């Protein structure tokens, strides 16, 4: 049967009565062809699923019905505006801004950030700006971006790591010294902003703070620490040491940052105390400071001398600390040679590169001294090799004696033979035997404690060793009881009642019955 898509059938007659009076009857949305004479239905509308046969009325998904690209959502547009605002606040170049927008768009549509909460998507804008800075070599730290967004730096660090991982970006590490110049530029210490006794040249401030940062990195102060508190403490110490007057001495770290219009991080006071502690240890080794009390309150007056002879003072501090430990751990009656009091020939303080007086308080420094960080004077001979621990070398030790020898010849010496010769030990007096047993038992008793507190033997140690995290104490496991252990007769007798106990128990039971 030939039929048109929308018109009347061609040459169609009613199958019931043979009439040609066929009309179209609309039944809701489905048209029908009906015989007007007898009412028979000749044809109905066809239901199809082929889109080519339908002109309208079929549900088609949005992305299949149009060739227009997907428009960004409201949160993505808001995040792009936040990226542009951060870049313009920090005065970034257009290259950094375009890269940050591209990184944000890629990360926003990545599956890792599709089903995260709104706060993380807001932090994604700041992380994209920070990643763009790292890729273009801009010295911006995470704390700066986090403070602009008023966000938690820990959560922002987590989002930043996820961003680097999902975009598969390789980052080059940024040193703390590279951030110093940009950090110092935020301090308002010009003569027009602060009084004359407080103003400072930015170039001198950067130079002195860089030297303090180098010293801090060599003494483990920077290790595993956030850079901003260390930078704040270094700049404050540099500002104090450049002009150590009474006006600056009265200004604390908090008041200094308030005057310079810089926020004070929480750990900055602890970093400042650690830097002062390091400077005090090195300042005590200066020859012209012997007999003078070097304290954290006045150590910044000799910072220039400490930085000038930094490497030499580090070696002297190590030697002094190890010699003091050797004297402290020496057995009773045995003392070490006084190495500090009578140094060997050619190993005085001058040959180590230290002058006889402070160079920071004299207009003309002593002739023959160089301006290098090592500070070795011209024409001086190097100090002969000497063990830093303060013990004698293997060639100087007696073959059958202990590692620590007596200081003078007037004290009676006792020769301790090896532990393998038992006959010699039996021949010694009782007092000598007690000394031998003490020497043999002391290392075993203190082996565990020395293994845990090994860092106390060093002058400068990492922060994680000096202030370790508290660990949960593990309880010792008791003996395993299975119930199959043998029971001795004495244990069985302990559970049996004696005749006297049986008699007393029967009397007590009788009294209780009578009362009831």
Protein backbone atom coordinates (compact mmCIF):
# COMPACT_ATOMS: atom_id res chain seq x y z
CA UNK A 1 0.00 0.00 0.00
CA UNK A 2 1.44 3.28 -1.10
CA UNK A 3 1.10 5.97 1.55
CA UNK A 4 2.38 9.49 1.85
CA UNK A 5 3.99 10.71 5.05
CA UNK A 6 1.34 13.35 5.83
CA UNK A 7 -1.27 13.26 3.01
CA UNK A 8 -4.28 11.02 2.13
CA UNK A 9 -3.61 7.48 0.82
CA UNK A 10 -3.60 7.31 -2.98
CA UNK A 11 -6.52 5.24 -4.43
CA UNK A 12 -7.52 3.96 -1.03
CA UNK A 13 -10.99 2.42 -0.57
CA UNK A 14 -12.65 1.20 2.58
CA UNK A 15 -12.05 -2.48 3.15
CA UNK A 16 -15.43 -2.91 4.81
CA UNK A 17 -17.86 -1.08 2.58
CA UNK A 18 -15.76 -0.11 -0.47
CA UNK A 19 -16.49 3.59 -0.05
CA UNK A 20 -13.95 6.19 -1.12
CA UNK A 21 -15.07 8.69 1.50
CA UNK A 22 -11.90 8.46 3.64
CA UNK A 23 -11.16 11.36 5.98
CA UNK A 24 -8.36 12.24 8.47
CA UNK A 25 -9.27 12.06 12.12
CA UNK A 26 -6.93 13.61 14.72
CA UNK A 27 -6.77 11.58 17.90
CA UNK A 28 -4.66 13.70 20.27
CA UNK A 29 -1.20 13.71 18.66
CA UNK A 30 -1.72 10.58 16.49
CA UNK A 31 -3.55 11.15 13.17
CA UNK A 32 -5.74 8.34 11.70
CA UNK A 33 -7.46 7.69 8.35
CA UNK A 34 -11.11 6.68 8.94
CA UNK A 35 -13.96 5.74 6.56
CA UNK A 36 -16.72 8.34 6.96
CA UNK A 37 -19.45 5.89 5.95
CA UNK A 38 -18.75 2.87 8.19
CA UNK A 39 -16.15 4.26 10.66
CA UNK A 40 -13.42 1.70 9.93
CA UNK A 41 -9.81 2.75 10.67
CA UNK A 42 -7.73 2.40 7.54
CA UNK A 43 -4.28 3.65 8.68
CA UNK A 44 -2.62 4.97 11.88
CA UNK A 45 0.51 7.07 12.55
CA UNK A 46 3.73 5.04 12.85
CA UNK A 47 5.93 5.24 15.95
CA UNK A 48 9.59 5.33 14.91
CA UNK A 49 12.95 5.63 16.71
CA UNK A 50 14.95 6.70 13.67
CA UNK A 51 15.84 10.39 13.91
CA UNK A 52 16.01 10.75 10.10
CA UNK A 53 12.31 9.85 9.81
CA UNK A 54 11.19 12.39 12.41
CA UNK A 55 11.17 16.13 12.07
CA UNK A 56 10.35 17.06 15.65
CA UNK A 57 9.10 15.70 18.94
CA UNK A 58 12.04 13.36 19.74
CA UNK A 59 14.10 13.90 22.92
CA UNK A 60 17.73 14.49 21.89
CA UNK A 61 20.59 15.17 24.29
CA UNK A 62 22.05 18.68 24.35
CA UNK A 63 25.54 17.80 23.21
CA UNK A 64 24.13 15.80 20.24
CA UNK A 65 21.68 18.42 19.10
CA UNK A 66 24.12 21.37 18.76
CA UNK A 67 27.63 22.00 17.54
CA UNK A 68 28.25 24.82 20.05
CA UNK A 69 31.15 24.24 22.54
CA UNK A 70 30.34 23.68 26.18
CA UNK A 71 30.17 26.95 28.07
CA UNK A 72 32.08 27.31 31.38
CA UNK A 73 29.97 27.07 34.51
CA UNK A 74 29.47 29.85 37.04
CA UNK A 75 32.11 28.55 39.49
CA UNK A 76 34.70 28.24 36.73
CA UNK A 77 34.07 31.82 35.58
CA UNK A 78 34.35 32.99 39.19
CA UNK A 79 37.63 31.07 39.61
CA UNK A 80 39.10 32.65 36.46
CA UNK A 81 38.23 36.09 37.83
CA UNK A 82 40.00 35.17 41.08
CA UNK A 83 43.10 34.09 39.14
CA UNK A 84 43.22 37.42 37.26
CA UNK A 85 42.73 39.37 40.48
CA UNK A 86 45.63 37.58 42.22
CA UNK A 87 47.95 38.14 39.26
CA UNK A 88 47.17 41.85 39.15
CA UNK A 89 47.54 42.30 42.91
CA UNK A 90 51.01 40.72 42.76
CA UNK A 91 51.90 42.65 39.55
CA UNK A 92 52.65 39.61 37.43
CA UNK A 93 53.45 39.77 33.73
CA UNK A 94 50.79 38.82 31.14
CA UNK A 95 52.70 35.58 30.44
CA UNK A 96 52.28 34.42 34.05
CA UNK A 97 48.61 35.42 34.05
CA UNK A 98 47.81 33.56 30.82
CA UNK A 99 49.60 30.43 32.01
CA UNK A 100 47.74 30.56 35.34
CA UNK A 101 44.37 30.81 33.55
CA UNK A 102 45.28 27.89 31.29
CA UNK A 103 46.38 25.74 34.24
CA UNK A 104 43.18 26.55 36.14
CA UNK A 105 40.97 25.64 33.16
CA UNK A 106 42.78 22.32 32.65
CA UNK A 107 42.66 21.40 36.32
CA UNK A 108 39.00 22.43 36.78
CA UNK A 109 37.86 19.96 34.11
CA UNK A 110 40.18 17.20 35.34
CA UNK A 111 38.44 14.22 37.02
CA UNK A 112 40.48 14.80 40.19
CA UNK A 113 38.71 18.14 40.81
CA UNK A 114 35.22 17.36 39.48
CA UNK A 115 33.77 15.98 42.71
CA UNK A 116 35.55 18.06 45.39
CA UNK A 117 33.89 20.55 47.71
CA UNK A 118 33.63 24.24 46.93
CA UNK A 119 36.47 25.34 49.23
CA UNK A 120 39.03 23.25 47.35
CA UNK A 121 37.87 24.70 44.03
CA UNK A 122 38.41 28.18 45.43
CA UNK A 123 41.94 27.24 46.53
CA UNK A 124 42.59 25.82 43.07
CA UNK A 125 42.79 29.37 41.70
CA UNK A 126 45.56 30.30 44.14
CA UNK A 127 47.43 27.05 43.47
CA UNK A 128 47.27 27.71 39.72
CA UNK A 129 48.82 31.15 40.25
CA UNK A 130 51.52 29.65 42.49
CA UNK A 131 52.29 26.92 39.95
CA UNK A 132 52.56 29.49 37.17
CA UNK A 133 55.02 31.48 39.32
CA UNK A 134 57.16 28.41 39.93
CA UNK A 135 57.23 27.56 36.22
CA UNK A 136 58.27 31.12 35.31
CA UNK A 137 60.81 31.54 38.11
CA UNK A 138 58.91 34.12 40.18
CA UNK A 139 60.01 33.96 43.88
CA UNK A 140 56.55 33.74 45.47
CA UNK A 141 55.94 31.50 48.49
CA UNK A 142 52.74 29.66 49.32
CA UNK A 143 52.18 31.71 52.45
CA UNK A 144 51.82 34.90 50.40
CA UNK A 145 49.07 33.46 48.21
CA UNK A 146 47.37 31.82 51.19
CA UNK A 147 47.25 35.12 53.08
CA UNK A 148 45.66 36.86 50.09
CA UNK A 149 42.99 34.16 49.88
CA UNK A 150 42.64 34.00 53.70
CA UNK A 151 43.00 30.23 53.44
CA UNK A 152 44.70 27.51 55.46
CA UNK A 153 48.23 26.95 54.18
CA UNK A 154 48.12 23.21 55.03
CA UNK A 155 44.99 22.65 52.94
CA UNK A 156 46.43 24.78 50.17
CA UNK A 157 49.58 22.65 50.16
CA UNK A 158 47.45 19.53 49.71
CA UNK A 159 45.58 21.08 46.77
CA UNK A 160 48.87 22.23 45.24
CA UNK A 161 50.31 18.71 45.38
CA UNK A 162 47.15 17.32 43.75
CA UNK A 163 47.39 19.98 41.04
CA UNK A 164 51.01 19.14 40.23
CA UNK A 165 50.18 15.43 40.18
CA UNK A 166 47.12 15.65 37.93
CA UNK A 167 48.79 17.99 35.41
CA UNK A 168 52.05 15.97 35.52
CA UNK A 169 54.26 19.05 35.92
CA UNK A 170 57.94 18.90 36.91
CA UNK A 171 58.94 21.72 39.26
CA UNK A 172 62.41 22.99 40.06
CA UNK A 173 63.13 23.55 43.75
CA UNK A 174 63.33 27.16 44.92
CA UNK A 175 66.02 28.00 47.50
CA UNK A 176 65.28 30.18 50.49
CA UNK A 177 68.01 32.63 49.46
CA UNK A 178 66.19 33.27 46.18
CA UNK A 179 63.17 34.49 48.14
CA UNK A 180 65.14 36.90 50.31
CA UNK A 181 65.32 39.90 47.98
CA UNK A 182 61.61 39.85 47.24
CA UNK A 183 60.84 39.42 50.95
CA UNK A 184 63.05 42.34 52.01
CA UNK A 185 61.35 44.64 49.50
CA UNK A 186 58.15 44.40 51.55
CA UNK A 187 59.79 46.10 54.58
CA UNK A 188 59.06 49.84 54.75
CA UNK A 189 62.29 51.15 56.31
CA UNK A 190 62.93 54.23 54.17
CA UNK A 191 63.69 57.61 55.86
CA UNK A 192 60.29 58.96 54.79
CA UNK A 193 58.41 56.17 56.60
CA UNK A 194 60.38 55.53 59.83
CA UNK A 195 62.56 57.68 62.13
CA UNK A 196 66.20 58.19 61.24
CA UNK A 197 67.60 55.73 63.80
CA UNK A 198 65.36 52.98 62.40
CA UNK A 199 65.85 53.47 58.65
CA UNK A 200 68.17 51.10 56.77
CA UNK A 201 69.54 50.69 53.26
CA UNK A 202 67.72 47.77 51.52
CA UNK A 203 70.87 46.51 49.77
CA UNK A 204 72.82 46.30 53.05
CA UNK A 205 69.87 44.61 54.72
CA UNK A 206 69.66 41.97 51.98
CA UNK A 207 73.42 41.34 52.11
CA UNK A 208 73.56 40.87 55.89
CA UNK A 209 70.39 38.76 55.96
CA UNK A 210 71.81 36.52 53.21
CA UNK A 211 74.92 35.85 55.33
CA UNK A 212 72.73 34.97 58.32
CA UNK A 213 70.65 32.64 56.16
CA UNK A 214 73.81 30.88 54.99
CA UNK A 215 74.90 30.39 58.59
CA UNK A 216 71.42 29.13 59.50
CA UNK A 217 71.49 26.58 56.68
CA UNK A 218 74.88 25.26 57.85
CA UNK A 219 73.62 24.79 61.42
CA UNK A 220 70.35 22.99 60.55
CA UNK A 221 68.07 25.91 61.47
CA UNK A 222 66.48 26.03 58.00
CA UNK A 223 66.04 22.27 57.65
CA UNK A 224 62.38 21.26 57.32
CA UNK A 225 61.14 24.74 58.24
CA UNK A 226 58.76 27.13 56.53
CA UNK A 227 60.84 29.82 54.80
CA UNK A 228 58.89 32.93 55.85
CA UNK A 229 59.54 32.71 59.65
CA UNK A 230 63.26 32.10 59.01
CA UNK A 231 63.36 35.08 56.64
CA UNK A 232 61.65 37.35 59.17
CA UNK A 233 64.07 36.33 61.95
CA UNK A 234 67.11 36.81 59.68
CA UNK A 235 65.99 40.26 58.53
CA UNK A 236 65.35 41.36 62.12
CA UNK A 237 68.79 40.18 63.28
CA UNK A 238 70.42 41.81 60.25
CA UNK A 239 68.64 45.08 61.02
CA UNK A 240 69.84 44.95 64.64
CA UNK A 241 73.45 44.10 63.78
CA UNK A 242 73.89 46.81 61.14
CA UNK A 243 73.44 49.60 63.69
CA UNK A 244 73.40 48.15 67.25
CA UNK A 245 72.18 51.27 69.06
CA UNK A 246 70.02 51.50 72.16
CA UNK A 247 66.98 52.63 70.16
CA UNK A 248 67.01 49.47 68.07
CA UNK A 249 67.75 47.25 71.05
CA UNK A 250 64.50 48.32 72.70
CA UNK A 251 62.46 47.27 69.65
CA UNK A 252 61.21 43.68 69.82
CA UNK A 253 60.46 41.50 66.81
CA UNK A 254 56.73 42.18 66.97
CA UNK A 255 57.17 45.96 67.20
CA UNK A 256 59.75 45.89 64.41
CA UNK A 257 57.38 44.06 62.05
CA UNK A 258 54.56 46.42 63.00
CA UNK A 259 56.78 49.41 62.23
CA UNK A 260 57.87 47.88 58.90
CA UNK A 261 54.21 47.00 58.06
CA UNK A 262 54.91 43.27 57.82
CA UNK A 263 52.88 40.49 59.42
CA UNK A 264 54.61 38.37 62.07
CA UNK A 265 54.38 34.59 61.51
CA UNK A 266 53.83 32.49 64.61
CA UNK A 267 57.10 30.46 64.50
CA UNK A 268 59.24 33.57 63.83
CA UNK A 269 60.01 34.04 67.55
CA UNK A 270 61.25 30.43 67.83
CA UNK A 271 63.42 30.81 64.73
CA UNK A 272 64.87 34.00 66.21
CA UNK A 273 65.73 32.21 69.46
CA UNK A 274 67.43 29.39 67.52
CA UNK A 275 69.49 31.84 65.47
CA UNK A 276 70.58 33.67 68.63
CA UNK A 277 71.55 30.36 70.23
CA UNK A 278 73.78 29.51 67.25
CA UNK A 279 75.37 32.97 67.31
CA UNK A 280 76.08 32.65 71.05
CA UNK A 281 77.85 29.31 70.55
CA UNK A 282 80.06 30.81 67.86
CA UNK A 283 80.59 34.14 69.62
CA UNK A 284 82.09 32.41 72.67
CA UNK A 285 84.92 31.14 70.45
CA UNK A 286 86.12 34.64 69.51
CA UNK A 287 89.45 35.32 71.28
CA UNK A 288 88.45 38.83 72.38
CA UNK A 289 85.21 37.49 73.88
CA UNK A 290 86.89 35.11 76.32
CA UNK A 291 85.85 36.09 79.80
CA UNK A 292 82.93 38.12 78.46
CA UNK A 293 79.42 36.75 78.85
CA UNK A 294 77.87 36.28 75.40
CA UNK A 295 74.09 36.26 75.82
CA UNK A 296 71.18 36.36 73.36
CA UNK A 297 70.42 39.93 74.49
CA UNK A 298 73.78 41.31 73.31
CA UNK A 299 74.98 38.80 70.71
CA UNK A 300 73.92 40.99 67.76
CA UNK A 301 76.75 43.41 68.60
CA UNK A 302 79.32 40.84 67.42
CA UNK A 303 77.36 39.42 64.47
CA UNK A 304 79.73 41.06 61.98
CA UNK A 305 82.78 39.32 63.48
CA UNK A 306 80.95 35.99 63.69
CA UNK A 307 79.96 36.12 60.02
CA UNK A 308 83.45 37.18 58.96
CA UNK A 309 85.14 34.18 60.63
CA UNK A 310 82.17 31.85 60.27
CA UNK A 311 83.94 28.69 59.04
CA UNK A 312 86.76 28.98 61.56
CA UNK A 313 84.36 29.50 64.45
CA UNK A 314 82.32 26.48 63.39
CA UNK A 315 85.43 24.28 63.61
CA UNK A 316 86.39 25.76 66.96
CA UNK A 317 82.90 25.23 68.36
CA UNK A 318 82.94 21.58 67.29
CA UNK A 319 86.36 21.06 68.84
CA UNK A 320 85.44 22.76 72.12
CA UNK A 321 82.23 20.79 72.46
CA UNK A 322 83.88 17.44 71.80
CA UNK A 323 86.73 18.16 74.21
CA UNK A 324 84.25 19.11 76.94
CA UNK A 325 82.38 15.84 76.36
CA UNK A 326 85.63 13.90 76.56
CA UNK A 327 86.49 15.52 79.90
CA UNK A 328 82.96 14.92 81.20
CA UNK A 329 82.96 11.24 80.24
CA UNK A 330 86.47 10.54 81.56
CA UNK A 331 86.67 8.06 84.49
CA UNK A 332 87.37 9.32 87.99
CA UNK A 333 91.09 9.97 88.47
CA UNK A 334 91.80 10.24 84.74
CA UNK A 335 91.76 13.59 82.96
CA UNK A 336 92.49 14.53 79.41
CA UNK A 337 95.37 16.69 78.31
CA UNK A 338 94.37 20.32 78.52
CA UNK A 339 94.23 20.96 74.80
CA UNK A 340 92.53 24.33 75.00
CA UNK A 341 94.79 25.69 77.70
CA UNK A 342 98.08 24.68 76.09
CA UNK A 343 97.54 24.22 72.36
CA UNK A 344 100.31 22.55 70.39
CA UNK A 345 102.87 24.54 68.49
CA UNK A 346 101.46 26.24 65.42
CA UNK A 347 97.83 25.78 66.49
CA UNK A 348 96.98 29.06 68.19
CA UNK A 349 93.94 31.20 67.56
CA UNK A 350 95.87 33.36 65.11
CA UNK A 351 96.78 30.42 62.87
CA UNK A 352 93.10 29.47 62.76
CA UNK A 353 92.32 32.81 61.14
CA UNK A 354 91.22 34.84 64.18
CA UNK A 355 92.81 38.21 64.99
CA UNK A 356 93.67 39.30 68.50
CA UNK A 357 90.99 41.99 68.61
CA UNK A 358 87.55 42.67 67.21
CA UNK A 359 87.54 44.00 63.67
CA UNK A 360 84.06 45.49 63.93
CA UNK A 361 85.08 48.04 66.55
CA UNK A 362 88.26 49.35 64.88
CA UNK A 363 88.35 51.62 61.88
CA UNK A 364 91.52 50.00 60.51
CA UNK A 365 91.46 46.20 60.76
CA UNK A 366 94.74 44.38 61.47
CA UNK A 367 97.02 44.07 58.50
CA UNK A 368 97.32 40.68 56.91
CA UNK A 369 93.66 39.74 57.33
CA UNK A 370 91.58 39.01 54.32
CA UNK A 371 87.91 39.89 53.83
CA UNK A 372 86.91 36.39 52.85
CA UNK A 373 84.46 34.35 54.84
CA UNK A 374 87.27 32.07 55.96
CA UNK A 375 89.27 34.93 57.39
CA UNK A 376 92.75 33.36 57.15
CA UNK A 377 95.51 35.97 57.57
CA UNK A 378 98.15 36.27 54.89
CA UNK A 379 101.32 34.32 55.47
CA UNK A 380 99.90 32.15 58.25
CA UNK A 381 100.64 28.44 58.39
CA UNK A 382 97.75 26.02 58.68
CA UNK A 383 97.14 24.28 61.95
CA UNK A 384 98.53 20.71 62.09
CA UNK A 385 96.02 17.89 61.93
CA UNK A 386 94.53 17.17 65.30
CA UNK A 387 91.55 15.01 66.22
CA UNK A 388 88.51 17.16 66.99
CA UNK A 389 87.30 14.82 69.70
CA UNK A 390 90.09 15.84 72.05
CA UNK A 391 91.47 12.29 72.41
CA UNK A 392 95.02 11.37 71.63
CA UNK A 393 95.81 9.79 68.30
CA UNK A 394 96.46 6.08 67.94
CA UNK A 395 100.21 6.62 67.70
CA UNK A 396 100.27 8.50 71.02
CA UNK A 397 98.19 6.02 73.02
CA UNK A 398 99.97 3.41 75.15
CA UNK A 399 99.53 -0.09 73.73
CA UNK A 400 98.13 -1.65 76.90
CA UNK A 401 96.38 1.35 78.39
CA UNK A 402 92.93 2.88 78.00
CA UNK A 403 92.14 5.57 75.46
CA UNK A 404 92.29 8.31 78.14
CA UNK A 405 95.71 8.82 79.75
CA UNK A 406 96.71 10.58 82.92
CA UNK A 407 97.48 14.29 82.83
CA UNK A 408 100.68 14.24 84.91
CA UNK A 409 103.29 11.77 86.07
CA UNK A 410 102.65 12.29 89.80
CA UNK A 411 99.34 10.42 89.82
CA UNK A 412 99.85 6.64 90.14
CA UNK A 413 98.91 4.79 86.98
CA UNK A 414 97.29 1.38 86.78
CA UNK A 415 97.80 -0.84 83.76
CA UNK A 416 94.67 -2.72 82.79
CA UNK A 417 95.35 -5.88 80.82
CA UNK A 418 92.93 -7.28 78.26
CA UNK A 419 89.86 -9.19 79.40
CA UNK A 420 91.12 -12.41 77.84
CA UNK A 421 93.96 -12.86 80.33
CA UNK A 422 92.00 -13.95 83.40
CA UNK A 423 95.09 -14.93 85.36
CA UNK A 424 96.42 -11.37 85.29
CA UNK A 425 93.09 -10.03 86.52
CA UNK A 426 93.01 -12.47 89.44
CA UNK A 427 96.46 -11.28 90.49
CA UNK A 428 95.35 -7.64 90.75
CA UNK A 429 94.21 -6.13 94.06
CA UNK A 430 90.53 -5.79 94.86
CA UNK A 431 90.49 -2.06 94.09
CA UNK A 432 91.96 -2.65 90.63
CA UNK A 433 89.43 -5.41 89.94
CA UNK A 434 86.57 -3.00 90.68
CA UNK A 435 88.04 -0.52 88.19
CA UNK A 436 88.27 -3.22 85.53
CA UNK A 437 84.68 -4.32 86.06
CA UNK A 438 83.52 -0.70 85.97
CA UNK A 439 85.28 -0.09 82.65
CA UNK A 440 83.76 -3.24 81.17
CA UNK A 441 80.20 -2.67 82.44
CA UNK A 442 79.86 1.08 81.78
CA UNK A 443 79.70 0.83 77.96
CA UNK A 444 77.13 -1.97 78.14
CA UNK A 445 74.90 -0.09 80.58
CA UNK A 446 74.94 3.18 78.64
CA UNK A 447 74.74 1.63 75.17
CA UNK A 448 70.97 1.98 74.87
CA UNK A 449 70.84 5.52 76.24
CA UNK A 450 73.68 6.70 73.99
CA UNK A 451 71.99 5.20 70.95
CA UNK A 452 68.83 7.19 71.67
CA UNK A 453 70.55 10.47 72.65
CA UNK A 454 73.44 10.44 70.17
CA UNK A 455 72.58 13.99 69.07
CA UNK A 456 73.66 15.34 72.48
CA UNK A 457 77.25 14.68 71.49
CA UNK A 458 76.94 17.18 68.62
CA UNK A 459 76.77 20.96 68.68
CA UNK A 460 74.40 21.50 65.76
CA UNK A 461 71.76 18.90 64.95
CA UNK A 462 68.57 18.85 62.83
CA UNK A 463 65.42 20.09 64.56
CA UNK A 464 63.73 16.69 64.31
CA UNK A 465 66.55 15.19 66.41
CA UNK A 466 66.64 17.97 68.98
CA UNK A 467 62.87 18.09 69.48
CA UNK A 468 61.62 14.62 68.51
CA UNK A 469 57.95 13.79 68.31
CA UNK A 470 56.46 11.95 71.26
CA UNK A 471 56.05 8.28 70.51
CA UNK A 472 53.46 6.05 72.08
CA UNK A 473 54.98 3.79 74.72
CA UNK A 474 54.71 0.13 73.82
CA UNK A 475 53.78 -2.11 76.74
CA UNK A 476 55.81 -5.23 77.19
CA UNK A 477 53.94 -8.39 76.34
CA UNK A 478 53.40 -10.71 79.25
CA UNK A 479 54.07 -14.45 79.27
CA UNK A 480 51.78 -16.56 77.13
CA UNK A 481 49.46 -18.76 79.25
CA UNK A 482 47.86 -21.73 77.46
CA UNK A 483 46.45 -23.63 80.46
CA UNK A 484 48.49 -26.75 79.75
CA UNK A 485 51.32 -25.81 82.10
CA UNK A 486 52.35 -28.33 84.77
CA UNK A 487 51.31 -27.56 88.36
CA UNK A 488 53.66 -28.51 91.15
CA UNK A 489 52.59 -30.11 94.42
CA UNK A 490 53.42 -26.99 96.40
CA UNK A 491 51.02 -24.94 94.24
CA UNK A 492 48.27 -27.53 94.74
CA UNK A 493 48.79 -27.49 98.50
CA UNK A 494 48.39 -23.72 98.44
CA UNK A 495 44.81 -24.10 97.19
CA UNK A 496 43.84 -26.88 99.71
CA UNK A 497 42.42 -25.98 103.11
CA UNK A 498 44.12 -27.13 106.27
CA UNK A 499 42.09 -29.01 108.95
CA UNK A 500 42.01 -25.87 111.09
CA UNK A 501 40.59 -23.82 108.17
CA UNK A 502 37.95 -26.51 107.51
CA UNK A 503 36.88 -26.42 111.16
CA UNK A 504 36.65 -22.62 111.25
CA UNK A 505 34.69 -22.57 107.99
CA UNK A 506 32.15 -25.12 109.35
CA UNK A 507 31.66 -23.10 112.56
CA UNK A 508 31.09 -19.92 110.56
CA UNK A 509 28.52 -21.61 108.36
CA UNK A 510 26.70 -22.92 111.46
CA UNK A 511 26.54 -19.44 113.01
CA UNK A 512 25.16 -17.95 109.80
CA UNK A 513 22.39 -20.57 109.67
CA UNK A 514 21.43 -19.86 113.27
CA UNK A 515 21.09 -16.15 112.60
CA UNK A 516 18.91 -16.75 109.59
